[in-house]
Amino acid sequence: MSTRRKVLLAVPIVVLVYAGLSALMTVAFDRWSTSHGLLVQDRETLWRPRPGFVGPPGFIWDGDSSLTPVTIDEQGFRTAGTRASALAPSEIVLAIGDSFTFGWDVADGDSYPAQLQALLDQRAPGRFTVINGGMPGCTSFQAKQLLRRWLPRYRPAVVVAMLGRNDGRKQPLSDSEVQAILRWKPDLLNYVFPFMLLHYRGVQGVAQMRGNSRVQRVSNEEFRHNIQTIVELTRSAGARLILMEHWKRNPAFRLARLAADRGVAYIDTPALVAPAARGGRELFIRTHHHPNRDGYAVIAGALADEILSDR
């Protein structure tokens, strides 16, 4: 047999072996991450909480055993302490935002959406159902994408948004660039190395290896555009929007003027917590500066007042 013929026969064999090993590697990775990770890849929103996840969260795949465990229902929302996720025939309050909304390192019933539900149940029994749509690491870009999915599905009466903390973070690619790659990449390529490197947030690692300079996940101008889109989406859906300033202020992503210019309800949470802090109350978890149960109670009370004042 000639050398040329041997090469021609060997090429498809090598390709098949290569593809098979790549598939085995990626399937094994998927199965491992299924039991470990809070977040799963999403073409439109980059990632989202894994439906049915129970355990300590983590920013990559492994949970951090030092963090308070979380419970994610079958729809992908953090619960208020039970696995049940039935949405009663009531007015939906949809809370969107990052780990401050999700409730990082506090019990399921201690996040501000969970405490808001308890307050509304006391003051207007059976009238409202609060959905915790918080997602660790969420930006205004991701929130905009989530609303496009959730508004027609859940038809909320009220949308509460606390955004801006993660938009200015530097990454090799912006959120919109990551989404463009994830939307282009066929799912089949997940099982062929090196495309498996594009799984989850590994796409940013690929950009880094290419030598890309670091950019904001969301630019200042895009942040303003995203908030305008969120305003338009909620109004088109007939929902009332409440914008909350993030506890960790970022001058480039302030919401006060954006809310005033667009006639949207606004809560200045840093100013809200200042009196309680001056009174000697500890409102934050010292190790990572997220609110504790008492900090979330302050904002839940202000939100309950705002929601019921317009009824």
Protein backbone atom coordinates (compact mmCIF):
# COMPACT_ATOMS: atom_id res chain seq x y z
CA MET A 1 0.00 0.00 0.00
CA SER A 2 1.39 3.38 -0.99
CA THR A 3 2.26 6.03 1.58
CA ARG A 4 -0.32 8.37 0.09
CA ARG A 5 -3.06 5.74 0.46
CA LYS A 6 -2.03 5.06 4.07
CA VAL A 7 -2.26 8.76 4.89
CA LEU A 8 -5.66 9.04 3.27
CA LEU A 9 -6.92 6.10 5.33
CA ALA A 10 -5.33 7.36 8.54
CA VAL A 11 -6.80 10.88 8.38
CA PRO A 12 -10.47 9.91 8.97
CA ILE A 13 -9.41 7.49 11.71
CA VAL A 14 -7.44 10.19 13.50
CA VAL A 15 -10.32 12.64 13.10
CA LEU A 16 -12.82 10.14 14.52
CA VAL A 17 -10.58 9.28 17.47
CA TYR A 18 -9.94 12.99 18.11
CA ALA A 19 -13.64 13.86 17.98
CA GLY A 20 -14.53 10.88 20.17
CA LEU A 21 -11.99 11.76 22.85
CA SER A 22 -13.10 15.40 22.76
CA ALA A 23 -16.71 14.35 23.22
CA LEU A 24 -15.81 12.10 26.14
CA MET A 25 -13.80 14.88 27.78
CA THR A 26 -16.58 17.43 27.45
CA VAL A 27 -19.37 15.07 28.51
CA ALA A 28 -17.33 14.15 31.58
CA PHE A 29 -16.81 17.86 32.29
CA ASP A 30 -20.54 18.51 31.89
CA ARG A 31 -21.49 15.71 34.25
CA TRP A 32 -18.97 16.85 36.84
CA SER A 33 -20.16 20.46 36.67
CA THR A 34 -23.81 19.35 36.93
CA SER A 35 -23.22 18.18 40.47
CA HIS A 36 -20.94 21.07 41.39
CA GLY A 37 -22.04 24.30 39.78
CA LEU A 38 -24.63 26.92 40.61
CA LEU A 39 -24.46 28.47 37.14
CA VAL A 40 -25.06 27.03 33.67
CA GLN A 41 -24.33 28.54 30.27
CA ASP A 42 -27.14 30.39 28.49
CA ARG A 43 -26.90 31.67 24.92
CA GLU A 44 -28.84 34.87 25.55
CA THR A 45 -27.93 35.74 29.14
CA LEU A 46 -24.41 34.17 29.22
CA TRP A 47 -25.27 32.17 32.36
CA ARG A 48 -28.14 31.56 34.74
CA PRO A 49 -28.77 29.68 38.01
CA ARG A 50 -29.05 25.95 37.51
CA PRO A 51 -32.65 24.73 38.02
CA GLY A 52 -32.89 22.38 40.98
CA PHE A 53 -29.48 23.29 42.42
CA VAL A 54 -29.08 22.92 46.19
CA GLY A 55 -25.85 23.64 48.02
CA PRO A 56 -23.21 26.29 48.66
CA PRO A 57 -22.74 28.64 45.69
CA GLY A 58 -19.49 29.47 43.93
CA PHE A 59 -18.44 31.85 41.18
CA ILE A 60 -16.90 29.17 38.97
CA TRP A 61 -18.11 25.55 39.21
CA ASP A 62 -17.19 24.30 42.66
CA GLY A 63 -19.26 25.50 45.58
CA ASP A 64 -17.52 27.28 48.44
CA SER A 65 -18.34 25.32 51.58
CA SER A 66 -17.80 28.45 53.68
CA LEU A 67 -20.84 30.10 52.04
CA THR A 68 -24.46 29.65 53.13
CA PRO A 69 -26.23 27.05 50.92
CA VAL A 70 -28.88 28.17 48.44
CA THR A 71 -31.97 26.48 46.97
CA ILE A 72 -32.86 27.02 43.30
CA ASP A 73 -36.32 25.91 42.17
CA GLU A 74 -37.11 24.09 38.93
CA GLN A 75 -37.66 27.38 37.10
CA GLY A 76 -34.19 28.65 37.99
CA PHE A 77 -35.19 31.11 40.75
CA ARG A 78 -33.87 31.21 44.28
CA THR A 79 -36.58 30.16 46.70
CA ALA A 80 -37.62 31.69 50.00
CA GLY A 81 -36.84 28.54 51.95
CA THR A 82 -38.93 25.86 50.28
CA ARG A 83 -38.60 23.84 47.07
CA ALA A 84 -42.11 24.83 45.98
CA SER A 85 -42.23 27.34 43.12
CA ALA A 86 -45.93 27.58 42.35
CA LEU A 87 -46.95 31.05 41.28
CA ALA A 88 -50.31 31.81 42.83
CA PRO A 89 -52.86 33.86 40.85
CA SER A 90 -51.61 37.14 42.27
CA GLU A 91 -49.68 40.22 41.23
CA ILE A 92 -46.09 39.28 40.42
CA VAL A 93 -43.21 41.35 41.79
CA LEU A 94 -40.10 40.44 39.78
CA ALA A 95 -36.76 41.37 41.37
CA ILE A 96 -33.75 41.43 39.03
CA GLY A 97 -30.13 42.20 39.78
CA ASP A 98 -26.84 40.66 40.83
CA SER A 99 -25.68 38.83 43.97
CA PHE A 100 -27.11 41.63 46.15
CA THR A 101 -30.57 40.67 44.86
CA PHE A 102 -29.84 36.93 44.77
CA GLY A 103 -28.75 37.04 48.42
CA TRP A 104 -25.09 36.09 48.65
CA ASP A 105 -24.10 34.17 51.77
CA VAL A 106 -27.47 34.50 53.52
CA ALA A 107 -30.18 31.89 54.09
CA ASP A 108 -32.92 31.42 51.49
CA GLY A 109 -35.42 33.30 53.62
CA ASP A 110 -33.11 36.24 54.35
CA SER A 111 -32.62 37.79 50.88
CA TYR A 112 -34.51 41.02 50.29
CA PRO A 113 -37.01 39.37 47.84
CA ALA A 114 -37.80 36.72 50.48
CA GLN A 115 -38.24 39.31 53.23
CA LEU A 116 -40.29 41.49 50.87
CA GLN A 117 -42.62 38.53 50.28
CA ALA A 118 -43.08 38.12 54.03
CA LEU A 119 -43.85 41.82 54.50
CA LEU A 120 -46.35 41.92 51.63
CA ASP A 121 -48.03 38.78 52.97
CA GLN A 122 -48.51 40.59 56.30
CA ARG A 123 -49.76 43.86 54.83
CA ALA A 124 -51.65 42.61 51.78
CA PRO A 125 -52.29 38.87 52.29
CA GLY A 126 -52.48 36.84 49.10
CA ARG A 127 -52.05 39.83 46.83
CA PHE A 128 -48.44 39.51 45.70
CA THR A 129 -45.95 36.83 44.70
CA VAL A 130 -42.30 37.90 44.72
CA ILE A 131 -39.88 36.21 42.31
CA ASN A 132 -36.17 36.38 43.13
CA GLY A 133 -34.66 36.81 39.66
CA GLY A 134 -31.27 37.79 41.08
CA MET A 135 -28.25 36.23 39.38
CA PRO A 136 -24.66 36.39 40.69
CA GLY A 137 -22.50 38.58 38.46
CA CYS A 138 -25.49 40.06 36.61
CA THR A 139 -25.03 43.24 34.55
CA SER A 140 -27.55 45.56 32.93
CA PHE A 141 -26.92 43.72 29.64
CA GLN A 142 -27.92 40.38 31.18
CA ALA A 143 -30.89 41.92 33.01
CA LYS A 144 -32.17 43.32 29.72
CA GLN A 145 -31.95 39.86 28.14
CA LEU A 146 -33.65 38.22 31.12
CA LEU A 147 -36.55 40.68 30.98
CA ARG A 148 -37.12 39.94 27.30
CA ARG A 149 -37.60 36.32 28.34
CA TRP A 150 -39.50 36.79 31.58
CA LEU A 151 -41.90 39.67 30.93
CA PRO A 152 -44.14 37.77 28.49
CA ARG A 153 -43.84 34.59 30.56
CA TYR A 154 -44.68 35.93 34.03
CA ARG A 155 -46.42 39.25 33.24
CA PRO A 156 -45.26 41.00 36.44
CA ALA A 157 -47.13 43.96 37.86
CA VAL A 158 -43.91 45.36 39.37
CA VAL A 159 -40.27 45.00 38.32
CA VAL A 160 -37.56 45.94 40.83
CA ALA A 161 -34.03 46.41 39.46
CA MET A 162 -30.74 46.94 41.31
CA LEU A 163 -27.96 47.10 38.71
CA GLY A 164 -24.55 48.63 38.04
CA ARG A 165 -22.17 46.82 40.38
CA ASN A 166 -20.75 44.44 37.74
CA ASP A 167 -21.07 46.55 34.59
CA GLY A 168 -17.77 48.33 35.13
CA ARG A 169 -15.75 45.20 35.87
CA LYS A 170 -12.92 44.55 33.41
CA GLN A 171 -12.87 41.38 31.31
CA PRO A 172 -11.12 40.30 28.08
CA LEU A 173 -14.47 40.58 26.24
CA SER A 174 -17.59 42.66 26.83
CA ASP A 175 -20.86 40.90 27.63
CA SER A 176 -22.24 41.60 24.17
CA GLU A 177 -19.12 40.09 22.55
CA VAL A 178 -19.37 36.96 24.68
CA GLN A 179 -23.03 36.59 23.74
CA ALA A 180 -22.20 36.94 20.04
CA ILE A 181 -19.77 34.01 20.30
CA LEU A 182 -22.15 31.85 22.32
CA ARG A 183 -24.99 32.48 19.88
CA TRP A 184 -22.80 31.64 16.89
CA LYS A 185 -21.25 28.46 18.31
CA PRO A 186 -23.36 25.37 17.48
CA ASP A 187 -24.02 23.16 20.49
CA LEU A 188 -22.36 20.25 18.68
CA LEU A 189 -19.01 22.06 18.90
CA ASN A 190 -19.23 21.86 22.70
CA TYR A 191 -18.01 18.30 22.21
CA VAL A 192 -14.96 19.03 20.05
CA PHE A 193 -11.76 20.38 21.57
CA PRO A 194 -10.80 23.29 21.56
CA PHE A 195 -14.40 24.56 21.23
CA MET A 196 -15.15 23.01 24.60
CA LEU A 197 -13.05 25.86 26.00
CA LEU A 198 -15.92 28.15 25.03
CA HIS A 199 -18.14 26.36 27.57
CA TYR A 200 -19.59 28.51 30.33
CA ARG A 201 -17.44 31.59 30.89
CA GLY A 202 -14.28 29.99 29.45
CA VAL A 203 -14.80 32.14 26.36
CA GLN A 204 -13.15 34.97 28.27
CA GLY A 205 -10.10 32.79 28.87
CA VAL A 206 -9.80 32.19 25.13
CA ALA A 207 -9.86 35.95 24.53
CA GLN A 208 -7.16 36.40 27.16
CA MET A 209 -4.92 33.84 25.45
CA ARG A 210 -5.35 35.82 22.23
CA GLY A 211 -3.89 38.84 24.01
CA ASN A 212 -7.06 40.97 24.00
CA SER A 213 -6.93 44.07 26.18
CA ARG A 214 -9.37 44.14 29.07
CA VAL A 215 -12.59 46.12 28.61
CA GLN A 216 -15.61 46.91 30.76
CA ARG A 217 -18.24 44.22 30.71
CA VAL A 218 -20.70 47.00 29.85
CA SER A 219 -19.55 50.44 28.71
CA ASN A 220 -20.88 53.61 30.34
CA GLU A 221 -22.92 54.48 27.27
CA GLU A 222 -24.26 50.95 26.88
CA PHE A 223 -25.32 50.97 30.55
CA ARG A 224 -27.51 54.03 29.94
CA HIS A 225 -28.91 52.42 26.80
CA ASN A 226 -29.65 49.17 28.67
CA ILE A 227 -31.53 51.02 31.41
CA GLN A 228 -33.55 52.87 28.76
CA THR A 229 -34.38 49.51 27.15
CA ILE A 230 -35.42 48.09 30.54
CA VAL A 231 -37.72 51.09 31.06
CA GLU A 232 -39.27 50.60 27.62
CA LEU A 233 -39.68 46.83 28.05
CA THR A 234 -41.42 47.13 31.40
CA ARG A 235 -43.74 49.92 30.20
CA SER A 236 -44.65 47.98 27.08
CA ALA A 237 -45.52 45.02 29.30
CA GLY A 238 -47.71 47.21 31.53
CA ALA A 239 -45.42 46.74 34.55
CA ARG A 240 -44.31 49.35 37.05
CA LEU A 241 -40.52 49.72 37.36
CA ILE A 242 -38.65 50.61 40.56
CA LEU A 243 -34.93 51.34 40.21
CA MET A 244 -32.75 50.92 43.28
CA GLU A 245 -29.30 52.44 43.63
CA HIS A 246 -26.70 49.80 44.32
CA TRP A 247 -25.27 49.65 47.82
CA LYS A 248 -21.77 49.73 46.38
CA ARG A 249 -21.90 53.06 44.55
CA ASN A 250 -20.21 53.35 41.17
CA PRO A 251 -20.18 56.97 39.87
CA ALA A 252 -20.33 55.79 36.23
CA PHE A 253 -23.50 53.78 36.81
CA ARG A 254 -25.68 55.95 39.01
CA LEU A 255 -29.41 55.51 38.51
CA ALA A 256 -30.82 58.64 40.15
CA ARG A 257 -30.71 60.88 37.08
CA LEU A 258 -31.69 58.06 34.72
CA ALA A 259 -34.76 57.38 36.87
CA ALA A 260 -35.68 61.08 37.11
CA ASP A 261 -35.29 61.64 33.35
CA ARG A 262 -37.55 58.69 32.58
CA GLY A 263 -40.14 59.22 35.32
CA VAL A 264 -39.34 55.96 37.10
CA ALA A 265 -39.66 55.28 40.84
CA TYR A 266 -36.25 55.38 42.54
CA ILE A 267 -34.89 54.23 45.89
CA ASP A 268 -31.50 55.49 47.05
CA THR A 269 -30.42 52.47 49.08
CA PRO A 270 -27.07 53.90 50.32
CA ALA A 271 -28.95 56.85 51.83
CA LEU A 272 -31.57 54.44 53.16
CA VAL A 273 -29.10 52.34 55.14
CA ALA A 274 -27.06 55.29 56.46
CA PRO A 275 -29.35 56.06 59.46
CA ALA A 276 -29.42 52.40 60.49
CA ALA A 277 -25.63 52.19 60.19
CA ARG A 278 -25.20 55.34 62.28
CA GLY A 279 -27.38 53.71 64.92
CA GLY A 280 -24.76 51.02 65.36
CA ARG A 281 -26.46 48.23 63.40
CA GLU A 282 -24.21 45.91 61.42
CA LEU A 283 -25.81 45.64 57.97
CA PHE A 284 -23.09 43.95 55.95
CA ILE A 285 -21.10 40.73 55.97
CA ARG A 286 -17.59 41.91 56.73
CA THR A 287 -15.78 39.30 54.65
CA HIS A 288 -17.27 40.38 51.31
CA HIS A 289 -19.49 43.42 52.03
CA HIS A 290 -22.79 41.96 50.87
CA PRO A 291 -25.81 42.82 53.06
CA ASN A 292 -26.69 40.54 55.94
CA ARG A 293 -30.25 39.71 57.03
CA ASP A 294 -30.66 43.10 58.76
CA GLY A 295 -29.36 44.97 55.72
CA TYR A 296 -31.84 43.19 53.48
CA ALA A 297 -34.63 43.91 55.97
CA VAL A 298 -34.05 47.65 55.53
CA ILE A 299 -34.48 47.51 51.77
CA ALA A 300 -37.41 45.09 51.94
CA GLY A 301 -39.26 47.52 54.20
CA ALA A 302 -38.65 50.46 51.87
CA LEU A 303 -39.76 48.41 48.86
CA ALA A 304 -42.94 47.24 50.58
CA ASP A 305 -43.82 50.88 51.33
CA GLU A 306 -43.13 51.89 47.72
CA ILE A 307 -45.11 49.04 46.20
CA LEU A 308 -48.15 49.51 48.43
CA SER A 309 -48.13 53.30 48.17
CA ASP A 310 -49.15 53.10 44.53
CA ARG A 311 -52.04 50.71 45.06
